Protein backbone atom coordinates (compact mmCIF):
# COMPACT_ATOMS: atom_id res chain seq x y z
CA MET A 1 144.30 115.61 94.15
CA LEU A 2 143.32 112.16 92.97
CA ASN A 3 145.98 112.36 90.23
CA HIS A 4 148.54 113.54 92.82
CA ALA A 5 147.78 110.48 94.95
CA MET A 6 148.04 108.20 92.05
CA ARG A 7 151.27 109.72 90.80
CA SER A 8 152.65 109.51 94.37
CA TRP A 9 152.01 105.76 94.31
CA TYR A 10 153.74 105.42 90.91
CA TRP A 11 156.63 107.55 91.95
CA ALA A 12 157.07 105.45 95.17
CA ARG A 13 157.05 102.26 93.26
CA GLY A 14 159.41 103.71 90.64
CA ILE A 15 161.83 104.92 93.38
CA ALA A 16 161.87 101.46 94.91
CA ALA A 17 162.55 99.91 91.57
CA MET A 18 165.25 102.36 90.83
CA GLU A 19 166.88 101.62 94.11
CA CYS A 20 166.43 97.74 93.46
CA ARG A 21 164.38 97.49 96.66
CA THR A 22 161.71 94.79 97.13
CA GLY A 23 159.89 93.36 100.05
CA PHE A 24 157.83 96.44 101.00
CA ASP A 25 154.02 96.27 101.64
CA GLU A 26 152.55 97.31 98.37
CA GLU A 27 148.90 97.34 99.58
CA LEU A 28 149.92 99.50 102.60
CA LEU A 29 151.85 101.85 100.30
CA LEU A 30 148.93 102.20 97.93
CA VAL A 31 146.43 102.86 100.67
CA ALA A 32 148.69 105.43 102.26
CA ALA A 33 149.30 107.10 98.89
CA LEU A 34 145.63 107.33 98.12
CA LEU A 35 144.66 108.86 101.54
CA HIS A 36 147.86 110.76 102.51
CA ASP A 37 146.36 114.21 101.72
CA LEU A 38 142.68 113.49 102.67
CA GLY A 39 143.15 115.89 105.55
CA THR A 40 143.67 118.87 103.14
CA THR A 41 140.09 118.50 101.87
CA GLU A 42 137.17 120.43 103.37
CA ALA A 43 135.38 117.25 104.52
CA PHE A 44 138.27 115.91 106.39
CA ASP A 45 140.09 119.07 107.58
CA ASN A 46 140.39 118.77 111.35
CA HIS A 47 140.38 122.07 113.22
CA THR A 48 143.33 121.28 115.37
CA LEU A 49 145.23 118.37 113.83
CA SER A 50 147.65 118.66 110.97
CA TYR A 51 146.28 117.49 107.71
CA GLU A 52 148.55 114.34 107.65
CA GLU A 53 147.36 113.30 111.06
CA ALA A 54 143.73 113.91 110.06
CA GLY A 55 144.30 111.83 107.00
CA GLY A 56 146.00 109.12 109.05
CA HIS A 57 143.01 108.90 111.34
CA ALA A 58 140.67 108.63 108.38
CA ALA A 59 142.84 105.88 106.99
CA VAL A 60 142.80 104.08 110.37
CA ALA A 61 138.96 104.14 110.19
CA LEU A 62 138.75 102.98 106.65
CA THR A 63 141.23 100.19 106.99
CA ALA A 64 139.35 99.05 110.18
CA GLY A 65 136.30 98.70 108.08
CA ALA A 66 138.30 96.67 105.59
CA GLY A 67 139.28 94.30 108.37
CA TRP A 68 142.88 95.35 108.83
CA PRO A 69 144.45 94.28 112.19
CA LYS A 70 145.17 97.05 114.61
CA SER A 71 148.98 96.88 114.02
CA ARG A 72 148.53 97.32 110.30
CA ARG A 73 146.05 100.18 110.76
CA GLN A 74 148.78 101.96 113.01
CA ARG A 75 151.27 101.40 110.16
CA VAL A 76 149.15 103.10 107.61
CA MET A 77 148.73 106.07 109.94
CA GLU A 78 152.54 106.18 110.55
CA VAL A 79 153.38 106.03 106.81
CA ILE A 80 150.84 108.99 106.20
CA VAL A 81 152.12 111.06 109.02
CA ARG A 82 155.72 110.54 108.12
CA HIS A 83 155.22 111.55 104.52
CA ASN A 84 155.44 115.20 105.66
CA TRP A 85 158.60 114.63 107.61
CA PRO A 86 161.61 116.50 106.10
CA SER A 87 163.09 113.12 105.45
CA VAL A 88 162.40 109.44 106.51
CA ASP A 89 165.11 106.95 107.07
CA PRO A 90 164.37 103.89 104.89
CA GLU A 91 165.90 101.67 107.46
CA MET A 92 163.38 102.78 110.05
CA ASP A 93 160.27 102.88 107.73
CA PHE A 94 160.78 101.94 104.13
CA GLU A 95 157.08 102.55 103.09
CA GLY A 96 157.24 105.93 104.85
CA TYR A 97 160.47 106.68 103.11
CA LEU A 98 158.94 105.84 99.67
CA LEU A 99 155.83 107.94 100.36
CA GLU A 100 157.83 110.85 101.61
CA SER A 101 160.20 110.67 98.58
CA ALA A 102 157.34 110.27 96.15
CA THR A 103 155.30 113.17 97.45
CA GLY A 104 158.30 115.33 97.67
CA LEU A 105 158.92 114.59 94.03
CA ASP A 106 155.35 115.20 92.93
CA ILE A 107 154.92 118.42 94.98
CA THR A 108 158.25 120.23 95.03
CA GLY A 109 160.23 118.44 92.24
CA ALA A 110 162.75 117.00 94.71
CA ARG A 111 164.76 114.23 92.97
CA SER A 112 162.84 114.85 89.76
CA ASP A 113 165.77 113.50 87.76
CA VAL A 114 165.87 109.95 89.35
CA LEU A 115 163.16 108.26 87.35
CA SER A 116 163.38 107.57 83.65
CA ALA A 117 161.90 110.22 81.28
CA ASN A 118 159.82 107.48 79.70
CA PHE A 119 158.35 106.43 83.04
CA VAL A 120 157.64 110.08 83.97
CA ASP A 121 155.98 110.65 80.75
CA GLU A 122 153.66 107.65 81.05
CA VAL A 123 152.62 108.46 84.54
CA LEU A 124 151.99 112.13 83.68
CA HIS A 125 149.91 111.12 80.66
CA ALA A 126 147.81 108.71 82.68
CA TYR A 127 147.54 111.14 85.67
CA PRO A 128 148.21 114.69 84.39
CA ARG A 129 149.02 117.48 86.89
CA LEU A 130 146.00 119.52 85.99
CA GLY A 131 145.59 122.22 88.54
CA VAL A 132 147.44 120.49 91.43
CA ALA A 133 149.81 123.38 91.92
CA GLN A 134 146.98 125.89 92.58
CA GLU A 135 144.79 123.48 94.52
CA PHE A 136 147.47 122.04 96.74
CA THR A 137 149.03 125.38 97.49
CA ALA A 138 145.61 126.84 98.49
CA CYS A 139 144.75 123.83 100.71
CA VAL A 140 148.08 123.79 102.47
CA THR A 141 148.39 127.53 102.80
CA SER A 142 144.97 127.65 104.48
CA GLN A 143 146.05 124.92 106.91
CA ALA A 144 149.37 126.68 107.58
CA GLU A 145 147.55 129.94 108.43
CA ARG A 146 145.25 128.23 110.87
CA LYS A 147 147.75 125.69 112.29
CA PRO A 148 151.15 127.39 112.54
CA SER A 149 152.65 124.46 114.50
CA THR A 150 152.25 121.98 111.73
CA ALA A 151 154.22 120.71 108.78
CA ALA A 152 151.89 122.71 106.53
CA HIS A 153 153.49 125.93 107.99
CA ARG A 154 156.93 124.58 107.37
CA ILE A 155 156.17 123.57 103.82
CA VAL A 156 154.49 126.92 102.96
CA GLY A 157 157.47 128.82 104.64
CA ASN A 158 159.91 126.78 102.50
CA GLY A 159 158.50 128.20 99.33
CA LEU A 160 155.69 125.72 98.41
CA ALA A 161 153.99 128.13 96.06
CA GLU A 162 157.14 128.88 94.08
CA LYS A 163 158.33 125.16 93.99
CA MET A 164 154.92 124.07 92.69
CA ARG A 165 154.80 126.83 90.11
CA ASP A 166 158.34 125.98 88.90
CA HIS A 167 157.99 122.25 89.15
CA PRO A 168 159.80 120.64 86.28
CA PHE A 169 156.96 118.31 85.50
CA GLU A 170 154.64 121.36 84.94
CA ARG A 171 156.54 121.96 81.55
CA ARG A 172 156.87 118.33 80.32
CA ARG A 173 155.11 117.11 77.19
CA HIS A 174 153.09 114.00 77.66
CA VAL A 175 153.21 110.91 75.44
CA GLU A 176 150.83 107.99 74.95
CA SER A 177 150.68 105.56 77.92
CA ASP A 178 149.57 102.06 78.69
CA LEU A 179 149.27 102.52 82.42
């Protein structure tokens, strides 16, 4: 899952570069990328909240400890929660859009052709997929079964296991990287 978080950050930055977009909060995006799926883990699995909400609350606590102001702590939670929306309008929340796009790319293969093959290979070499398909599918399926009103249920119902199994990056060869 750590590699998924790191790939998500790189994919988000790559998407921003590909779209020639600047001016986003890179630290906020990094923290959101690193913590966005924390709620899928046993230690942070909330018995009633969705995993993105649980991860968002953990991010608020961690960033409070880092001295972030309340408004910025709220932003990290918004970005994490929105990463599981079906889509995020970049004009409303650019960091949320980037994380939603990046995680969609890493999990389901959505927009897997938008980044250069060299960039993709470098990121996959530095942060290989390992067993993310099995691990993520198991975590999210467990949440979907216990929390049918959450995004996890929608994601599983939309074919998560098949999309992860058939992800185009699962078959890519990896090259040496300087990341």
